[in-house]
Amino acid sequence: MNYPEHIAVGLVLGIAILFFFNSLNLFSVVFVGLCSILPDIDHPKSKVSQLLYFLVFALSFIFIEPIIQKYFAFSISIVLNLLFSATIIILWLAVKPRHRGVTHSLLFAVAFAILAFYFYGLGICIAGLASYLSHIVLDKF
């Protein structure tokens, strides 16, 4: 399956769930779209892998920045977040998993869903998880 098909199926499924939970907005739709192609982050030629560095910084600012800002001033939190992002990229390059390895596992999907639930609530969590899992299921065919 190629990425447009993964995005289409993930968006249809995710938007239906977002609508059910009354969580439909631009952010949630973009999040669900990203979730549909995120499992391919371990493939060097995938679209999401090509955006890896941007995604690490963006996801770090989405997920980590709110936590850091609770304890540090804004300017310090930005520096800490940049250091955190750089560390993640270095670690990723050092231990990059094989294609269809850990990122195509239920464990990784659940861990990602737990983060999404913590930061964005149940509706976005379930929609993102469904979109992520749709990718894994579609890759089996």
C-alpha atoms as a PDB file:
ATOM      1  CA  MET A   1       0.000   0.000   0.000  1.00  0.00           C
ATOM      2  CA  ASN A   2       1.284   3.486  -0.713  1.00  0.00           C
ATOM      3  CA  TYR A   3       0.990   6.582   1.422  1.00  0.00           C
ATOM      4  CA  PRO A   4      -2.016   8.247  -0.311  1.00  0.00           C
ATOM      5  CA  GLU A   5      -4.067   5.106   0.319  1.00  0.00           C
ATOM      6  CA  HIS A   6      -2.904   4.921   3.942  1.00  0.00           C
ATOM      7  CA  ILE A   7      -3.834   8.578   4.448  1.00  0.00           C
ATOM      8  CA  ALA A   8      -7.237   8.172   2.743  1.00  0.00           C
ATOM      9  CA  VAL A   9      -8.262   5.140   4.801  1.00  0.00           C
ATOM     10  CA  GLY A  10      -6.835   6.611   8.025  1.00  0.00           C
ATOM     11  CA  LEU A  11      -8.620   9.919   7.480  1.00  0.00           C
ATOM     12  CA  VAL A  12     -11.987   8.339   6.675  1.00  0.00           C
ATOM     13  CA  LEU A  13     -11.805   6.129   9.742  1.00  0.00           C
ATOM     14  CA  GLY A  14     -10.365   8.848  11.977  1.00  0.00           C
ATOM     15  CA  ILE A  15     -12.791  11.570  10.900  1.00  0.00           C
ATOM     16  CA  ALA A  16     -15.751   9.265  11.553  1.00  0.00           C
ATOM     17  CA  ILE A  17     -14.465   8.633  15.088  1.00  0.00           C
ATOM     18  CA  LEU A  18     -13.690  12.332  15.635  1.00  0.00           C
ATOM     19  CA  PHE A  19     -17.215  13.202  14.523  1.00  0.00           C
ATOM     20  CA  PHE A  20     -18.653  10.633  16.940  1.00  0.00           C
ATOM     21  CA  PHE A  21     -16.648  12.130  19.832  1.00  0.00           C
ATOM     22  CA  ASN A  22     -17.418  15.701  18.724  1.00  0.00           C
ATOM     23  CA  SER A  23     -13.660  16.339  18.421  1.00  0.00           C
ATOM     24  CA  LEU A  24     -13.574  17.286  14.743  1.00  0.00           C
ATOM     25  CA  ASN A  25     -11.309  20.283  14.083  1.00  0.00           C
ATOM     26  CA  LEU A  26      -8.322  21.089  11.875  1.00  0.00           C
ATOM     27  CA  PHE A  27      -5.732  19.976  14.430  1.00  0.00           C
ATOM     28  CA  SER A  28      -7.424  16.619  15.052  1.00  0.00           C
ATOM     29  CA  VAL A  29      -7.756  15.912  11.312  1.00  0.00           C
ATOM     30  CA  VAL A  30      -4.060  16.697  10.700  1.00  0.00           C
ATOM     31  CA  PHE A  31      -3.143  14.555  13.713  1.00  0.00           C
ATOM     32  CA  VAL A  32      -5.183  11.611  12.378  1.00  0.00           C
ATOM     33  CA  GLY A  33      -3.607  12.038   8.934  1.00  0.00           C
ATOM     34  CA  LEU A  34      -0.121  11.905  10.431  1.00  0.00           C
ATOM     35  CA  CYS A  35      -1.068   8.859  12.488  1.00  0.00           C
ATOM     36  CA  SER A  36      -2.027   7.025   9.301  1.00  0.00           C
ATOM     37  CA  ILE A  37       1.508   7.235   7.890  1.00  0.00           C
ATOM     38  CA  LEU A  38       3.524   7.312  11.124  1.00  0.00           C
ATOM     39  CA  PRO A  39       4.257   3.542  11.155  1.00  0.00           C
ATOM     40  CA  ASP A  40       6.418   4.018   8.042  1.00  0.00           C
ATOM     41  CA  ILE A  41       8.776   6.366   9.843  1.00  0.00           C
ATOM     42  CA  ASP A  42      11.298   3.494   9.846  1.00  0.00           C
ATOM     43  CA  HIS A  43      11.381   3.295   6.027  1.00  0.00           C
ATOM     44  CA  PRO A  44      14.097   5.565   4.569  1.00  0.00           C
ATOM     45  CA  LYS A  45      12.106   6.438   1.418  1.00  0.00           C
ATOM     46  CA  SER A  46       8.735   7.067   3.029  1.00  0.00           C
ATOM     47  CA  LYS A  47       7.236  10.552   3.108  1.00  0.00           C
ATOM     48  CA  VAL A  48       7.077  10.547   6.890  1.00  0.00           C
ATOM     49  CA  SER A  49      10.726   9.448   7.161  1.00  0.00           C
ATOM     50  CA  GLN A  50      11.728  12.299   4.874  1.00  0.00           C
ATOM     51  CA  LEU A  51       9.969  14.634   7.313  1.00  0.00           C
ATOM     52  CA  LEU A  52      11.485  12.891  10.336  1.00  0.00           C
ATOM     53  CA  TYR A  53      13.554  15.773  11.645  1.00  0.00           C
ATOM     54  CA  PHE A  54      10.732  18.268  11.309  1.00  0.00           C
ATOM     55  CA  LEU A  55       8.322  15.793  12.926  1.00  0.00           C
ATOM     56  CA  VAL A  56      10.640  15.176  15.882  1.00  0.00           C
ATOM     57  CA  PHE A  57      10.826  18.893  16.585  1.00  0.00           C
ATOM     58  CA  ALA A  58       7.104  19.426  15.954  1.00  0.00           C
ATOM     59  CA  LEU A  59       5.978  16.467  18.075  1.00  0.00           C
ATOM     60  CA  SER A  60       8.422  17.459  20.772  1.00  0.00           C
ATOM     61  CA  PHE A  61       6.909  20.937  20.916  1.00  0.00           C
ATOM     62  CA  ILE A  62       3.396  19.449  20.901  1.00  0.00           C
ATOM     63  CA  PHE A  63       3.997  16.761  23.537  1.00  0.00           C
ATOM     64  CA  ILE A  64       7.046  17.807  25.572  1.00  0.00           C
ATOM     65  CA  GLU A  65       6.895  21.605  25.592  1.00  0.00           C
ATOM     66  CA  PRO A  66       3.766  21.805  27.771  1.00  0.00           C
ATOM     67  CA  ILE A  67       5.458  19.630  30.390  1.00  0.00           C
ATOM     68  CA  ILE A  68       8.736  21.572  30.338  1.00  0.00           C
ATOM     69  CA  GLN A  69       6.931  24.919  30.572  1.00  0.00           C
ATOM     70  CA  LYS A  70       5.365  23.858  33.861  1.00  0.00           C
ATOM     71  CA  TYR A  71       8.803  23.865  35.475  1.00  0.00           C
ATOM     72  CA  PHE A  72      10.965  26.328  33.526  1.00  0.00           C
ATOM     73  CA  ALA A  73      10.748  29.811  32.027  1.00  0.00           C
ATOM     74  CA  PHE A  74       9.762  30.020  28.358  1.00  0.00           C
ATOM     75  CA  SER A  75      13.265  30.727  26.988  1.00  0.00           C
ATOM     76  CA  ILE A  76      14.820  27.913  29.004  1.00  0.00           C
ATOM     77  CA  SER A  77      12.046  25.515  28.001  1.00  0.00           C
ATOM     78  CA  ILE A  78      12.708  26.225  24.302  1.00  0.00           C
ATOM     79  CA  VAL A  79      16.415  25.439  24.708  1.00  0.00           C
ATOM     80  CA  LEU A  80      15.620  22.264  26.670  1.00  0.00           C
ATOM     81  CA  ASN A  81      13.132  21.205  24.046  1.00  0.00           C
ATOM     82  CA  LEU A  82      15.663  21.728  21.246  1.00  0.00           C
ATOM     83  CA  LEU A  83      18.223  19.677  23.174  1.00  0.00           C
ATOM     84  CA  PHE A  84      15.633  16.964  23.771  1.00  0.00           C
ATOM     85  CA  SER A  85      14.727  16.902  20.052  1.00  0.00           C
ATOM     86  CA  ALA A  86      18.372  16.709  18.986  1.00  0.00           C
ATOM     87  CA  THR A  87      18.943  13.840  21.418  1.00  0.00           C
ATOM     88  CA  ILE A  88      15.949  11.946  20.029  1.00  0.00           C
ATOM     89  CA  ILE A  89      17.229  12.365  16.465  1.00  0.00           C
ATOM     90  CA  ILE A  90      20.706  11.141  17.420  1.00  0.00           C
ATOM     91  CA  LEU A  91      19.238   8.139  19.253  1.00  0.00           C
ATOM     92  CA  TRP A  92      16.964   7.385  16.306  1.00  0.00           C
ATOM     93  CA  LEU A  93      19.896   7.417  13.888  1.00  0.00           C
ATOM     94  CA  ALA A  94      21.913   5.208  16.224  1.00  0.00           C
ATOM     95  CA  VAL A  95      19.246   2.531  16.714  1.00  0.00           C
ATOM     96  CA  LYS A  96      16.962   2.986  13.698  1.00  0.00           C
ATOM     97  CA  PRO A  97      14.679  -0.054  13.599  1.00  0.00           C
ATOM     98  CA  ARG A  98      14.217  -2.218  10.550  1.00  0.00           C
ATOM     99  CA  HIS A  99      11.248  -1.503   8.294  1.00  0.00           C
ATOM    100  CA  ARG A 100       7.989  -2.981   9.579  1.00  0.00           C
ATOM    101  CA  GLY A 101       9.633  -3.642  12.910  1.00  0.00           C
ATOM    102  CA  VAL A 102       8.707  -1.972  16.174  1.00  0.00           C
ATOM    103  CA  THR A 103       6.757   0.895  14.563  1.00  0.00           C
ATOM    104  CA  HIS A 104       4.412  -1.678  13.012  1.00  0.00           C
ATOM    105  CA  SER A 105       3.651  -3.285  16.367  1.00  0.00           C
ATOM    106  CA  LEU A 106       0.635  -3.119  18.634  1.00  0.00           C
ATOM    107  CA  LEU A 107       2.907  -2.156  21.542  1.00  0.00           C
ATOM    108  CA  PHE A 108       4.157   0.961  19.736  1.00  0.00           C
ATOM    109  CA  ALA A 109       0.593   1.870  18.710  1.00  0.00           C
ATOM    110  CA  VAL A 110      -0.637   1.563  22.297  1.00  0.00           C
ATOM    111  CA  ALA A 111       2.285   3.610  23.650  1.00  0.00           C
ATOM    112  CA  PHE A 112       1.529   6.317  21.087  1.00  0.00           C
ATOM    113  CA  ALA A 113      -2.177   6.195  22.015  1.00  0.00           C
ATOM    114  CA  ILE A 114      -1.370   6.630  25.700  1.00  0.00           C
ATOM    115  CA  LEU A 115       0.572   9.805  24.891  1.00  0.00           C
ATOM    116  CA  ALA A 116      -2.265  11.049  22.694  1.00  0.00           C
ATOM    117  CA  PHE A 117      -4.805  10.351  25.439  1.00  0.00           C
ATOM    118  CA  TYR A 118      -2.718  12.166  28.038  1.00  0.00           C
ATOM    119  CA  PHE A 119      -2.338  15.293  25.920  1.00  0.00           C
ATOM    120  CA  TYR A 120      -5.492  15.380  23.773  1.00  0.00           C
ATOM    121  CA  GLY A 121      -8.212  13.274  25.376  1.00  0.00           C
ATOM    122  CA  LEU A 122     -10.189  10.205  24.477  1.00  0.00           C
ATOM    123  CA  GLY A 123     -11.704  11.232  21.131  1.00  0.00           C
ATOM    124  CA  ILE A 124      -8.441  12.229  19.461  1.00  0.00           C
ATOM    125  CA  CYS A 125      -6.675   9.276  21.078  1.00  0.00           C
ATOM    126  CA  ILE A 126      -9.097   6.696  19.679  1.00  0.00           C
ATOM    127  CA  ALA A 127      -9.194   8.356  16.241  1.00  0.00           C
ATOM    128  CA  GLY A 128      -5.383   8.481  16.089  1.00  0.00           C
ATOM    129  CA  LEU A 129      -5.069   4.886  17.262  1.00  0.00           C
ATOM    130  CA  ALA A 130      -7.615   3.696  14.695  1.00  0.00           C
ATOM    131  CA  SER A 131      -5.778   5.569  11.946  1.00  0.00           C
ATOM    132  CA  TYR A 132      -2.419   4.163  13.094  1.00  0.00           C
ATOM    133  CA  LEU A 133      -3.781   0.608  13.298  1.00  0.00           C
ATOM    134  CA  SER A 134      -5.422   0.938   9.870  1.00  0.00           C
ATOM    135  CA  HIS A 135      -1.927   1.395   8.428  1.00  0.00           C
ATOM    136  CA  ILE A 136      -0.700  -1.790  10.086  1.00  0.00           C
ATOM    137  CA  VAL A 137      -3.747  -3.765   8.898  1.00  0.00           C
ATOM    138  CA  LEU A 138      -3.478  -2.433   5.323  1.00  0.00           C
ATOM    139  CA  ASP A 139       0.188  -3.408   5.175  1.00  0.00           C
ATOM    140  CA  LYS A 140      -0.830  -7.034   5.814  1.00  0.00           C
ATOM    141  CA  PHE A 141      -2.691  -7.134   2.469  1.00  0.00           C
END
